[in-house]
Amino acid sequence: MQEITELEKRITAALERIGKGVDRLSSQARPAAPSPAAPPLSDAALRAQLEEEKSLTAQLQARLRAAREREAKGDLQEKVDRLTRELDVQGLELQRMRRVNASLREQLEALRTAQATGVTEPHLINKSLMAELDALRAMRLTEVAEMDEILAALEPHLTEAGHA
């Protein structure tokens, strides 16, 4: 950002020098008393200076564009990093849900087997209920992660609307 400010200052200075050169050209067009302190510059010399200033201005503008592009790429990289982190969180939540659902299936199968043999075992019922609670918690955490992602996507729009 500091580099952009420096480039803007240099462009402004170059434009001021161009303006002074144009003023000198227009003052030479009017008959004036010759100044003994500075010898008058020829038209060709002034044009050469003007071309030099235009060249410098073009170079500075190219640098400014390049700096802005680098800044935009940095913003893009930041966005990619944020989305990658969100994707990692969702992946972890999905793995947790798969583990809990596999555990729930196992507990339900054990409960069905015990019920088919006619034996009711309270610890199997407790284990299956705990597995079901874990599944519900995992689902809740997945939903929270999805809501966080949605809020992160909406936040720039909400702040923009708040400033308008």
Protein backbone atom coordinates (compact mmCIF):
# COMPACT_ATOMS: atom_id res chain seq x y z
CA MET A 1 0.00 0.00 0.00
CA GLN A 2 2.89 2.34 0.78
CA GLU A 3 4.31 1.61 -2.67
CA ILE A 4 1.05 2.71 -4.29
CA THR A 5 1.14 5.98 -2.35
CA GLU A 6 4.73 6.58 -3.44
CA LEU A 7 3.81 5.92 -7.09
CA GLU A 8 0.87 8.30 -6.85
CA LYS A 9 3.18 11.03 -5.49
CA ARG A 10 5.62 10.48 -8.33
CA ILE A 11 2.84 10.64 -10.93
CA THR A 12 1.53 13.86 -9.38
CA ALA A 13 5.02 15.39 -9.45
CA ALA A 14 5.45 14.36 -13.08
CA LEU A 15 2.13 15.92 -14.02
CA GLU A 16 3.13 19.15 -12.26
CA ARG A 17 6.38 19.26 -14.24
CA ILE A 18 4.40 18.72 -17.45
CA GLY A 19 2.06 21.55 -16.47
CA LYS A 20 5.03 23.87 -15.86
CA GLY A 21 6.47 22.94 -19.25
CA VAL A 22 3.18 23.72 -20.95
CA ASP A 23 3.04 27.05 -19.10
CA ARG A 24 6.53 27.86 -20.35
CA LEU A 25 5.47 27.02 -23.90
CA SER A 26 2.45 29.27 -23.68
CA SER A 27 4.50 32.08 -22.13
CA GLN A 28 7.04 31.81 -24.97
CA ALA A 29 4.24 32.20 -27.48
CA ARG A 30 3.62 35.71 -26.09
CA PRO A 31 6.36 38.24 -26.69
CA ALA A 32 8.10 38.80 -23.41
CA ALA A 33 11.30 40.40 -22.30
CA PRO A 34 14.12 37.85 -22.32
CA SER A 35 15.22 36.76 -18.88
CA PRO A 36 18.93 37.09 -18.30
CA ALA A 37 18.91 34.42 -15.55
CA ALA A 38 17.74 31.50 -17.69
CA PRO A 39 18.34 31.07 -21.38
CA PRO A 40 15.13 30.31 -23.29
CA LEU A 41 14.65 26.68 -24.24
CA SER A 42 14.00 25.82 -27.83
CA ASP A 43 10.71 24.32 -28.94
CA ALA A 44 12.44 21.01 -29.68
CA ALA A 45 13.99 20.89 -26.21
CA LEU A 46 10.62 21.52 -24.59
CA ARG A 47 9.00 18.84 -26.71
CA ALA A 48 11.76 16.42 -25.73
CA GLN A 49 11.14 17.19 -22.05
CA LEU A 50 7.42 16.72 -22.56
CA GLU A 51 7.99 13.34 -24.22
CA GLU A 52 10.33 12.36 -21.40
CA GLU A 53 7.67 13.27 -18.83
CA LYS A 54 5.02 11.34 -20.77
CA SER A 55 7.30 8.32 -20.85
CA LEU A 56 7.92 8.59 -17.11
CA THR A 57 4.20 8.97 -16.46
CA ALA A 58 3.45 5.86 -18.54
CA GLN A 59 6.07 3.89 -16.60
CA LEU A 60 4.66 5.03 -13.27
CA GLN A 61 1.13 4.15 -14.34
CA ALA A 62 2.31 0.67 -15.37
CA ARG A 63 3.93 0.23 -11.96
CA LEU A 64 0.75 1.40 -10.26
CA ARG A 65 -1.32 -1.12 -12.26
CA ALA A 66 1.13 -3.89 -11.36
CA ALA A 67 0.97 -2.97 -7.66
CA ARG A 68 -2.82 -2.99 -7.75
CA GLU A 69 -2.80 -6.41 -9.45
CA ARG A 70 -0.47 -7.78 -6.78
CA GLU A 71 -2.79 -6.43 -4.10
CA ALA A 72 -5.81 -8.03 -5.82
CA LYS A 73 -3.94 -11.36 -6.00
CA GLY A 74 -3.22 -11.09 -2.27
CA ASP A 75 -6.94 -10.59 -1.60
CA LEU A 76 -7.72 -13.58 -3.78
CA GLN A 77 -5.17 -15.74 -1.94
CA GLU A 78 -6.70 -14.68 1.39
CA LYS A 79 -10.13 -15.71 0.15
CA VAL A 80 -8.82 -19.08 -1.07
CA ASP A 81 -7.18 -19.68 2.33
CA ARG A 82 -10.42 -18.86 4.17
CA LEU A 83 -12.45 -21.18 1.93
CA THR A 84 -9.87 -23.95 2.42
CA ARG A 85 -10.16 -23.64 6.19
CA GLU A 86 -13.96 -23.78 5.95
CA LEU A 87 -13.73 -26.87 3.75
CA ASP A 88 -11.40 -28.52 6.26
CA VAL A 89 -13.89 -27.86 9.07
CA GLN A 90 -16.71 -29.34 7.01
CA GLY A 91 -14.58 -32.39 6.19
CA LEU A 92 -13.88 -33.00 9.87
CA GLU A 93 -17.58 -32.68 10.71
CA LEU A 94 -18.45 -35.11 7.93
CA GLN A 95 -15.92 -37.65 9.24
CA ARG A 96 -17.38 -37.30 12.74
CA MET A 97 -20.89 -37.88 11.40
CA ARG A 98 -19.77 -41.01 9.54
CA ARG A 99 -18.11 -42.45 12.65
CA VAL A 100 -21.13 -41.72 14.83
CA ASN A 101 -23.56 -43.13 12.29
CA ALA A 102 -21.50 -46.33 11.99
CA SER A 103 -21.56 -46.63 15.78
CA LEU A 104 -25.30 -46.03 15.80
CA ARG A 105 -25.84 -48.76 13.20
CA GLU A 106 -23.77 -51.19 15.26
CA GLN A 107 -25.69 -50.40 18.44
CA LEU A 108 -29.03 -50.74 16.70
CA GLU A 109 -27.97 -54.08 15.21
CA ALA A 110 -26.96 -55.32 18.68
CA LEU A 111 -30.29 -54.11 20.06
CA ARG A 112 -32.21 -55.87 17.26
CA THR A 113 -30.29 -59.09 17.86
CA ALA A 114 -31.00 -58.96 21.59
CA GLN A 115 -34.68 -58.25 20.92
CA ALA A 116 -34.88 -61.16 18.42
CA THR A 117 -33.49 -63.58 21.00
CA GLY A 118 -36.05 -62.33 23.48
CA VAL A 119 -33.47 -60.93 25.88
CA THR A 120 -33.85 -57.28 26.80
CA GLU A 121 -30.56 -55.84 27.96
CA PRO A 122 -30.73 -52.35 29.43
CA HIS A 123 -27.07 -51.57 28.69
CA LEU A 124 -27.71 -52.14 24.95
CA ILE A 125 -30.62 -49.72 25.08
CA ASN A 126 -28.43 -47.17 26.88
CA LYS A 127 -25.60 -47.61 24.37
CA SER A 128 -27.93 -47.20 21.42
CA LEU A 129 -29.50 -44.07 22.92
CA MET A 130 -26.04 -42.60 23.56
CA ALA A 131 -25.01 -43.37 19.98
CA GLU A 132 -28.16 -41.65 18.74
CA LEU A 133 -27.41 -38.60 20.89
CA ASP A 134 -23.87 -38.50 19.48
CA ALA A 135 -25.33 -38.63 15.97
CA LEU A 136 -27.63 -35.73 16.75
CA ARG A 137 -24.73 -33.71 18.20
CA ALA A 138 -22.61 -34.40 15.13
CA MET A 139 -25.46 -33.32 12.88
CA ARG A 140 -25.83 -30.13 14.93
CA LEU A 141 -22.11 -29.35 14.64
CA THR A 142 -22.29 -29.89 10.89
CA GLU A 143 -25.21 -27.48 10.66
CA VAL A 144 -23.30 -24.92 12.74
CA ALA A 145 -20.31 -25.21 10.38
CA GLU A 146 -22.60 -24.69 7.38
CA MET A 147 -24.18 -21.63 9.02
CA ASP A 148 -20.73 -20.20 9.76
CA GLU A 149 -19.85 -20.62 6.09
CA ILE A 150 -23.06 -18.87 5.01
CA LEU A 151 -22.46 -16.02 7.46
CA ALA A 152 -18.87 -15.61 6.26
CA ALA A 153 -20.11 -15.36 2.67
CA LEU A 154 -22.81 -12.83 3.60
CA GLU A 155 -20.68 -10.65 5.89
CA PRO A 156 -19.05 -8.52 3.14
CA HIS A 157 -22.47 -7.84 1.61
CA LEU A 158 -23.99 -6.93 4.97
CA THR A 159 -21.19 -4.50 5.85
CA GLU A 160 -21.46 -2.95 2.38
CA ALA A 161 -25.21 -2.52 2.84
CA GLY A 162 -24.63 -1.04 6.30
CA HIS A 163 -22.30 1.62 4.87
CA ALA A 164 -24.71 2.56 2.10
